[in-house]
Amino acid sequence: MPKTLPRIAVDAMGGDHGLTGIVSAAVRAAKNGTPITLVGDEYMIRSELKKLDTGSCTIDVVHASQVVTMEDKPADAMRKKKDSSIQVACRLVKEGHADGVVSAGNSGATVAAGMFIIGRIKGVLRPGMAGILPTEKKPMVLLDVGANVDSKPEHLFQFGIMADVLARDVLGIKKPRIGILTIGEEEGKGNNLVKSTYNMLKNSSLNFVGNIEGRDIFTGDVDVAVCDGFVGNVALKLSEGLANSLGNILKGELKRDIVSKLGAMLAMKAFKRFGRLVDTSEYGGAPVLGLKGIVLVCHGKADSLAIERAIEMAARFVKNDAVAHLKEGLAAHSEIIERKV
């Protein structure tokens, strides 16, 4: 466990909503006890801080002269924008001045900076990006959601190990139930990637429950769904789109006539509770697992609340010493990986 409170470096220049929401989220997180380092244009950041009541918050500012845009390719950003806010934030972690990074900027550039600046944990073949989704019972982990489009069985197996740690250390699930997302529940269903991964997970000490289908994700009967980044990203975006569309359809129906409007007013509290349950801002963003420090990628459209929740999640990851637990989990299953590799 860390001897001091974890310090989170926040990329102040990323995201669609601009600097104001990010800085205000960082201030709220700092007031709740998380030391913050805001990274970006120092003049702009300090101008925003002057508008807020920072009190005795622990907030530092580190200047970065460049910004990675959403149009920048990750490789170009790494090579041409070495003083970008995301690269500077990752160097703070590498040099021990921060314990984690939160960014709502270019996700590809953020993952690349994490990999090449902070570095992978020894033995990690590929870092994975985890989505945390609401279910009927409690949040669950979907891994990978886009960091690796083409994966091998040993990659998916490691995703299962890493997602198990995230579910335990961040979501507080004592013995996460792990399944492989595929096209049928029966053993043997799926492509060669799924079949090979199935055998590796079956021979591990993880709480593996077998194959699961897309419909099983939101029942709450599984805590981790393992898949490659292509499948995971499609599942994640489909889920987000469905939640938004259902909300819009429901609003339209509730405004259809006077009786519906009256019913909506009476059920307003229930609708608000439902909205919080399906709102992805409740979980902040997508942690990149397998690095020597936590990097958390927020959606570009993330609002101030989502940024604040992401900072809280990053701090919880560090407080619970999740990186050490990742190393332990990987070491405990190294023989299975070596046999496959």
Protein backbone atom coordinates (compact mmCIF):
# COMPACT_ATOMS: atom_id res chain seq x y z
CA MET A 1 0.00 0.00 0.00
CA PRO A 2 1.31 3.51 -0.78
CA LYS A 3 2.61 5.40 2.25
CA THR A 4 1.13 8.70 1.03
CA LEU A 5 -2.05 9.64 -0.75
CA PRO A 6 -1.85 8.86 -4.48
CA ARG A 7 -1.25 11.86 -6.71
CA ILE A 8 -3.09 11.86 -10.04
CA ALA A 9 -1.81 13.76 -13.08
CA VAL A 10 -4.77 15.13 -15.06
CA ASP A 11 -4.45 16.05 -18.72
CA ALA A 12 -6.19 19.43 -18.63
CA MET A 13 -6.12 19.90 -22.41
CA GLY A 14 -8.04 16.82 -23.55
CA GLY A 15 -11.78 16.38 -24.12
CA ASP A 16 -14.59 18.01 -26.06
CA HIS A 17 -15.87 20.24 -23.24
CA GLY A 18 -12.67 22.22 -22.80
CA LEU A 19 -10.49 23.10 -19.86
CA THR A 20 -13.16 24.51 -17.54
CA GLY A 21 -14.91 21.23 -16.73
CA ILE A 22 -11.66 19.33 -16.30
CA VAL A 23 -10.19 21.86 -13.88
CA SER A 24 -13.40 22.03 -11.82
CA ALA A 25 -13.48 18.21 -11.63
CA ALA A 26 -9.85 18.17 -10.47
CA VAL A 27 -10.61 20.74 -7.77
CA ARG A 28 -13.55 18.69 -6.46
CA ALA A 29 -11.38 15.56 -6.38
CA ALA A 30 -8.66 17.48 -4.54
CA LYS A 31 -11.19 18.70 -1.98
CA ASN A 32 -12.11 15.05 -1.41
CA GLY A 33 -8.49 14.28 -0.52
CA THR A 34 -6.74 13.32 -3.79
CA PRO A 35 -3.60 15.37 -4.59
CA ILE A 36 -3.76 16.59 -8.18
CA THR A 37 -1.27 17.75 -10.79
CA LEU A 38 -2.91 19.57 -13.68
CA VAL A 39 -0.89 19.33 -16.89
CA GLY A 40 -1.24 21.71 -19.85
CA ASP A 41 -1.06 25.39 -20.67
CA GLU A 42 -0.08 26.87 -17.30
CA TYR A 43 -1.56 30.32 -17.94
CA MET A 44 -4.93 28.89 -18.99
CA ILE A 45 -5.05 26.44 -16.07
CA ARG A 46 -4.19 29.05 -13.46
CA SER A 47 -6.78 31.41 -14.95
CA GLU A 48 -9.43 28.72 -14.41
CA LEU A 49 -8.19 27.96 -10.88
CA LYS A 50 -8.61 31.63 -9.93
CA LYS A 51 -12.34 31.31 -10.66
CA LEU A 52 -12.73 28.44 -8.19
CA ASP A 53 -12.56 28.04 -4.44
CA THR A 54 -9.49 25.83 -4.12
CA GLY A 55 -9.13 26.39 -0.35
CA SER A 56 -6.34 24.23 1.02
CA CYS A 57 -6.49 21.74 -1.85
CA THR A 58 -3.27 20.05 -2.94
CA ILE A 59 -3.12 21.08 -6.61
CA ASP A 60 0.04 21.61 -8.64
CA VAL A 61 0.35 22.81 -12.22
CA VAL A 62 2.93 21.53 -14.71
CA HIS A 63 3.26 23.34 -18.01
CA ALA A 64 3.06 21.54 -21.35
CA SER A 65 3.49 23.54 -24.54
CA GLN A 66 1.73 21.15 -26.95
CA VAL A 67 -1.70 19.54 -27.27
CA VAL A 68 -2.60 16.27 -29.01
CA THR A 69 -5.75 16.74 -31.05
CA MET A 70 -8.35 14.09 -31.86
CA GLU A 71 -7.13 14.16 -35.47
CA ASP A 72 -3.50 13.34 -34.58
CA LYS A 73 -2.35 9.80 -35.25
CA PRO A 74 -0.84 8.18 -32.12
CA ALA A 75 2.54 7.51 -33.79
CA ASP A 76 2.79 11.09 -35.06
CA ALA A 77 1.78 12.47 -31.67
CA MET A 78 4.47 10.42 -29.93
CA ARG A 79 7.15 11.53 -32.36
CA LYS A 80 6.24 15.17 -33.01
CA LYS A 81 4.56 16.29 -29.77
CA LYS A 82 6.91 15.20 -27.02
CA ASP A 83 5.88 18.19 -24.87
CA SER A 84 2.17 17.45 -25.17
CA SER A 85 0.08 17.41 -22.02
CA ILE A 86 -0.48 13.64 -22.20
CA GLN A 87 3.21 12.82 -22.67
CA VAL A 88 4.24 15.20 -19.87
CA ALA A 89 1.61 13.61 -17.57
CA CYS A 90 2.94 10.12 -18.31
CA ARG A 91 6.52 11.23 -17.67
CA LEU A 92 5.43 12.49 -14.25
CA VAL A 93 4.37 8.92 -13.43
CA LYS A 94 7.54 7.41 -14.87
CA GLU A 95 9.70 9.79 -12.80
CA GLY A 96 7.73 9.16 -9.60
CA HIS A 97 6.09 12.59 -9.37
CA ALA A 98 2.59 11.14 -9.88
CA ASP A 99 0.95 7.74 -9.46
CA GLY A 100 -1.58 7.76 -12.26
CA VAL A 101 -2.89 9.65 -15.30
CA VAL A 102 -6.41 10.65 -16.33
CA SER A 103 -7.07 11.98 -19.84
CA ALA A 104 -10.14 12.68 -21.97
CA GLY A 105 -7.98 13.38 -24.99
CA ASN A 106 -7.00 11.25 -27.98
CA SER A 107 -7.39 7.69 -26.65
CA GLY A 108 -4.90 6.13 -29.07
CA ALA A 109 -2.23 8.68 -28.17
CA THR A 110 -2.98 8.21 -24.47
CA VAL A 111 -2.55 4.43 -24.67
CA ALA A 112 0.64 4.85 -26.71
CA ALA A 113 2.10 7.33 -24.22
CA GLY A 114 1.28 4.96 -21.37
CA MET A 115 2.93 2.03 -23.11
CA PHE A 116 6.10 3.76 -24.30
CA ILE A 117 6.68 6.24 -21.45
CA ILE A 118 5.33 4.56 -18.31
CA GLY A 119 6.00 1.11 -19.71
CA ARG A 120 4.44 -2.32 -19.38
CA ILE A 121 4.62 -4.52 -16.32
CA LYS A 122 7.19 -7.25 -16.89
CA GLY A 123 5.49 -10.24 -18.48
CA VAL A 124 2.52 -8.31 -19.89
CA LEU A 125 2.24 -9.16 -23.57
CA ARG A 126 -0.26 -6.41 -24.38
CA PRO A 127 -2.00 -3.88 -22.14
CA GLY A 128 -5.78 -3.95 -22.36
CA MET A 129 -8.40 -1.24 -22.02
CA ALA A 130 -11.22 -2.10 -19.63
CA GLY A 131 -14.79 -0.89 -19.86
CA ILE A 132 -16.89 -0.82 -16.69
CA LEU A 133 -20.56 -1.34 -17.48
CA PRO A 134 -23.72 -1.16 -15.37
CA THR A 135 -25.79 -4.34 -14.95
CA GLU A 136 -29.01 -5.35 -13.23
CA LYS A 137 -27.03 -6.06 -10.04
CA LYS A 138 -23.63 -4.33 -9.94
CA PRO A 139 -20.95 -3.04 -12.33
CA MET A 140 -18.95 -5.50 -14.44
CA VAL A 141 -15.68 -5.37 -16.40
CA LEU A 142 -15.44 -5.80 -20.18
CA LEU A 143 -11.86 -6.30 -21.43
CA ASP A 144 -10.57 -5.44 -24.03
CA VAL A 145 -12.67 -2.56 -25.42
CA GLY A 146 -10.38 -1.30 -28.15
CA ALA A 147 -6.69 -1.29 -27.34
CA ASN A 148 -6.02 -4.53 -29.31
CA VAL A 149 -8.04 -5.29 -32.42
CA ASP A 150 -6.14 -8.49 -33.22
CA SER A 151 -5.35 -10.70 -30.23
CA LYS A 152 -3.98 -14.16 -29.47
CA PRO A 153 -5.24 -16.59 -26.79
CA GLU A 154 -2.42 -15.67 -24.40
CA HIS A 155 -3.43 -12.01 -24.69
CA LEU A 156 -7.05 -12.78 -23.79
CA PHE A 157 -5.89 -14.98 -20.93
CA GLN A 158 -3.87 -12.11 -19.50
CA PHE A 159 -6.87 -9.82 -19.96
CA GLY A 160 -8.80 -12.21 -17.73
CA ILE A 161 -6.10 -12.07 -15.05
CA MET A 162 -5.92 -8.28 -15.16
CA ALA A 163 -9.70 -7.80 -15.21
CA ASP A 164 -9.94 -10.09 -12.18
CA VAL A 165 -7.65 -7.70 -10.26
CA LEU A 166 -9.62 -4.64 -11.39
CA ALA A 167 -12.91 -6.22 -10.31
CA ARG A 168 -11.46 -7.08 -6.89
CA ASP A 169 -9.43 -3.96 -6.14
CA VAL A 170 -11.62 -1.26 -7.68
CA LEU A 171 -15.16 -2.71 -7.75
CA GLY A 172 -14.78 -4.64 -4.49
CA ILE A 173 -15.89 -8.03 -5.87
CA LYS A 174 -14.27 -10.75 -3.74
CA LYS A 175 -14.26 -13.59 -6.25
CA PRO A 176 -15.08 -12.27 -9.73
CA ARG A 177 -16.88 -14.64 -12.09
CA ILE A 178 -15.10 -14.60 -15.46
CA GLY A 179 -16.55 -15.57 -18.82
CA ILE A 180 -15.51 -15.36 -22.48
CA LEU A 181 -17.79 -13.31 -24.71
CA THR A 182 -18.68 -15.47 -27.71
CA ILE A 183 -21.61 -16.75 -29.83
CA GLY A 184 -22.89 -19.55 -27.59
CA GLU A 185 -22.81 -20.74 -23.98
CA GLU A 186 -21.75 -24.30 -24.72
CA GLU A 187 -18.08 -25.28 -24.54
CA GLY A 188 -16.64 -25.39 -28.04
CA LYS A 189 -18.73 -22.50 -29.37
CA GLY A 190 -16.76 -19.73 -31.02
CA ASN A 191 -13.68 -19.28 -33.19
CA ASN A 192 -10.23 -20.74 -32.58
CA LEU A 193 -9.25 -17.73 -30.47
CA VAL A 194 -12.14 -18.32 -28.07
CA LYS A 195 -11.60 -22.10 -27.91
CA SER A 196 -7.90 -21.80 -27.08
CA THR A 197 -8.53 -19.09 -24.49
CA TYR A 198 -11.27 -21.22 -22.95
CA ASN A 199 -8.79 -24.01 -22.22
CA MET A 200 -6.26 -21.63 -20.70
CA LEU A 201 -8.82 -20.05 -18.38
CA LYS A 202 -10.25 -23.47 -17.49
CA ASN A 203 -6.81 -24.62 -16.29
CA SER A 204 -6.21 -21.48 -14.22
CA SER A 205 -7.10 -20.65 -10.61
CA LEU A 206 -9.46 -17.88 -11.75
CA ASN A 207 -13.19 -18.23 -11.10
CA PHE A 208 -13.93 -19.13 -14.72
CA VAL A 209 -17.61 -19.77 -15.51
CA GLY A 210 -17.27 -20.56 -19.23
CA ASN A 211 -18.71 -18.98 -22.35
CA ILE A 212 -21.19 -16.12 -22.18
CA GLU A 213 -23.26 -14.40 -24.86
CA GLY A 214 -23.91 -10.70 -25.38
CA ARG A 215 -27.27 -10.96 -23.59
CA ASP A 216 -25.47 -12.14 -20.42
CA ILE A 217 -23.42 -8.97 -19.97
CA PHE A 218 -26.15 -6.91 -18.32
CA THR A 219 -27.82 -9.56 -16.14
CA GLY A 220 -25.18 -9.19 -13.44
CA ASP A 221 -24.50 -12.94 -13.39
CA VAL A 222 -20.91 -12.46 -14.55
CA ASP A 223 -18.36 -9.95 -13.25
CA VAL A 224 -15.82 -10.06 -16.09
CA ALA A 225 -16.30 -10.60 -19.82
CA VAL A 226 -13.10 -11.30 -21.78
CA CYS A 227 -12.85 -10.58 -25.52
CA ASP A 228 -10.57 -9.02 -28.10
CA GLY A 229 -10.68 -5.28 -28.68
CA PHE A 230 -12.70 -5.50 -31.90
CA VAL A 231 -15.57 -7.39 -30.26
CA GLY A 232 -15.31 -5.39 -27.05
CA ASN A 233 -15.43 -2.01 -28.76
CA VAL A 234 -18.48 -3.00 -30.81
CA ALA A 235 -20.21 -4.29 -27.66
CA LEU A 236 -19.34 -1.12 -25.73
CA LYS A 237 -20.50 1.31 -28.43
CA LEU A 238 -23.65 -0.74 -29.04
CA SER A 239 -24.44 -0.58 -25.32
CA GLU A 240 -23.90 3.18 -25.18
CA GLY A 241 -26.02 3.76 -28.26
CA LEU A 242 -28.82 1.52 -27.02
CA ALA A 243 -28.94 3.28 -23.63
CA ASN A 244 -29.15 6.70 -25.32
CA SER A 245 -31.78 5.60 -27.81
CA LEU A 246 -33.95 3.94 -25.15
CA GLY A 247 -33.76 7.13 -23.11
CA ASN A 248 -34.84 9.23 -26.09
CA ILE A 249 -37.68 6.84 -26.96
CA LEU A 250 -38.88 6.87 -23.35
CA LYS A 251 -38.83 10.68 -23.21
CA GLY A 252 -40.84 10.85 -26.42
CA GLU A 253 -43.47 8.44 -25.11
CA LEU A 254 -43.76 10.26 -21.78
CA LYS A 255 -44.49 13.55 -23.59
CA ARG A 256 -47.08 12.02 -25.92
CA ASP A 257 -50.21 13.05 -23.96
CA ILE A 258 -51.37 14.56 -20.68
CA VAL A 259 -51.79 11.18 -18.96
CA SER A 260 -48.23 10.16 -19.88
CA LYS A 261 -46.89 13.51 -18.67
CA LEU A 262 -48.68 13.11 -15.34
CA GLY A 263 -47.31 9.57 -14.95
CA ALA A 264 -43.81 10.83 -15.73
CA MET A 265 -44.06 13.48 -13.00
CA LEU A 266 -45.14 10.88 -10.45
CA ALA A 267 -42.29 8.53 -11.44
CA MET A 268 -39.60 11.22 -11.76
CA LYS A 269 -37.51 9.92 -8.83
CA ALA A 270 -37.48 6.42 -10.30
CA PHE A 271 -36.42 7.79 -13.70
CA LYS A 272 -33.55 9.70 -12.11
CA ARG A 273 -32.36 6.57 -10.28
CA PHE A 274 -32.53 4.63 -13.54
CA GLY A 275 -30.57 7.35 -15.31
CA ARG A 276 -27.77 7.10 -12.76
CA LEU A 277 -27.64 3.32 -13.14
CA VAL A 278 -27.10 3.42 -16.91
CA ASP A 279 -24.93 6.55 -16.94
CA THR A 280 -21.34 5.65 -17.85
CA SER A 281 -20.10 8.75 -16.01
CA GLU A 282 -20.75 6.79 -12.81
CA TYR A 283 -17.59 4.82 -13.61
CA GLY A 284 -15.44 7.61 -15.06
CA GLY A 285 -13.56 5.99 -17.91
CA ALA A 286 -11.61 3.01 -19.19
CA PRO A 287 -8.49 1.94 -17.25
CA VAL A 288 -5.55 0.75 -19.33
CA LEU A 289 -4.33 -2.38 -17.50
CA GLY A 290 -0.86 -3.88 -17.68
CA LEU A 291 1.17 -0.69 -17.25
CA LYS A 292 3.51 0.19 -14.38
CA GLY A 293 1.11 2.94 -13.39
CA ILE A 294 -2.60 3.46 -13.92
CA VAL A 295 -3.71 5.33 -17.05
CA LEU A 296 -7.41 6.04 -17.31
CA VAL A 297 -8.94 7.04 -20.65
CA CYS A 298 -12.16 9.04 -20.50
CA HIS A 299 -14.54 9.45 -23.42
CA GLY A 300 -13.91 12.65 -25.39
CA LYS A 301 -17.46 13.74 -24.52
CA ALA A 302 -16.95 13.08 -20.81
CA ASP A 303 -18.41 15.83 -18.65
CA SER A 304 -16.96 17.21 -15.44
CA LEU A 305 -18.65 14.53 -13.32
CA ALA A 306 -17.14 11.74 -15.41
CA ILE A 307 -13.67 13.29 -15.07
CA GLU A 308 -14.09 13.50 -11.30
CA ARG A 309 -15.18 9.86 -11.10
CA ALA A 310 -12.22 8.85 -13.26
CA ILE A 311 -9.83 10.59 -10.87
CA GLU A 312 -11.49 8.79 -7.95
CA MET A 313 -11.14 5.43 -9.73
CA ALA A 314 -7.47 6.06 -10.53
CA ALA A 315 -6.79 6.98 -6.90
CA ARG A 316 -8.60 3.84 -5.67
CA PHE A 317 -6.54 1.71 -8.06
CA VAL A 318 -3.33 3.11 -6.54
CA LYS A 319 -4.53 2.98 -2.92
CA ASN A 320 -5.35 -0.72 -3.26
CA ASP A 321 -1.92 -1.44 -4.75
CA ALA A 322 -3.49 -2.95 -7.85
CA VAL A 323 -0.27 -2.88 -9.89
CA ALA A 324 1.38 -5.18 -7.34
CA HIS A 325 -1.65 -7.48 -7.48
CA LEU A 326 -1.46 -7.53 -11.28
CA LYS A 327 2.16 -8.66 -11.02
CA GLU A 328 1.19 -11.37 -8.53
CA GLY A 329 -1.64 -12.64 -10.72
CA LEU A 330 0.53 -12.77 -13.83
CA ALA A 331 3.34 -14.54 -11.97
CA ALA A 332 0.93 -17.13 -10.55
CA HIS A 333 -0.20 -18.09 -14.06
CA SER A 334 3.11 -17.67 -15.91
CA GLU A 335 3.41 -21.42 -16.63
CA ILE A 336 0.12 -21.48 -18.54
CA ILE A 337 1.19 -18.48 -20.60
CA GLU A 338 4.65 -19.89 -21.29
CA ARG A 339 3.20 -23.18 -22.46
CA LYS A 340 0.99 -21.34 -24.94
CA VAL A 341 3.66 -18.87 -26.08
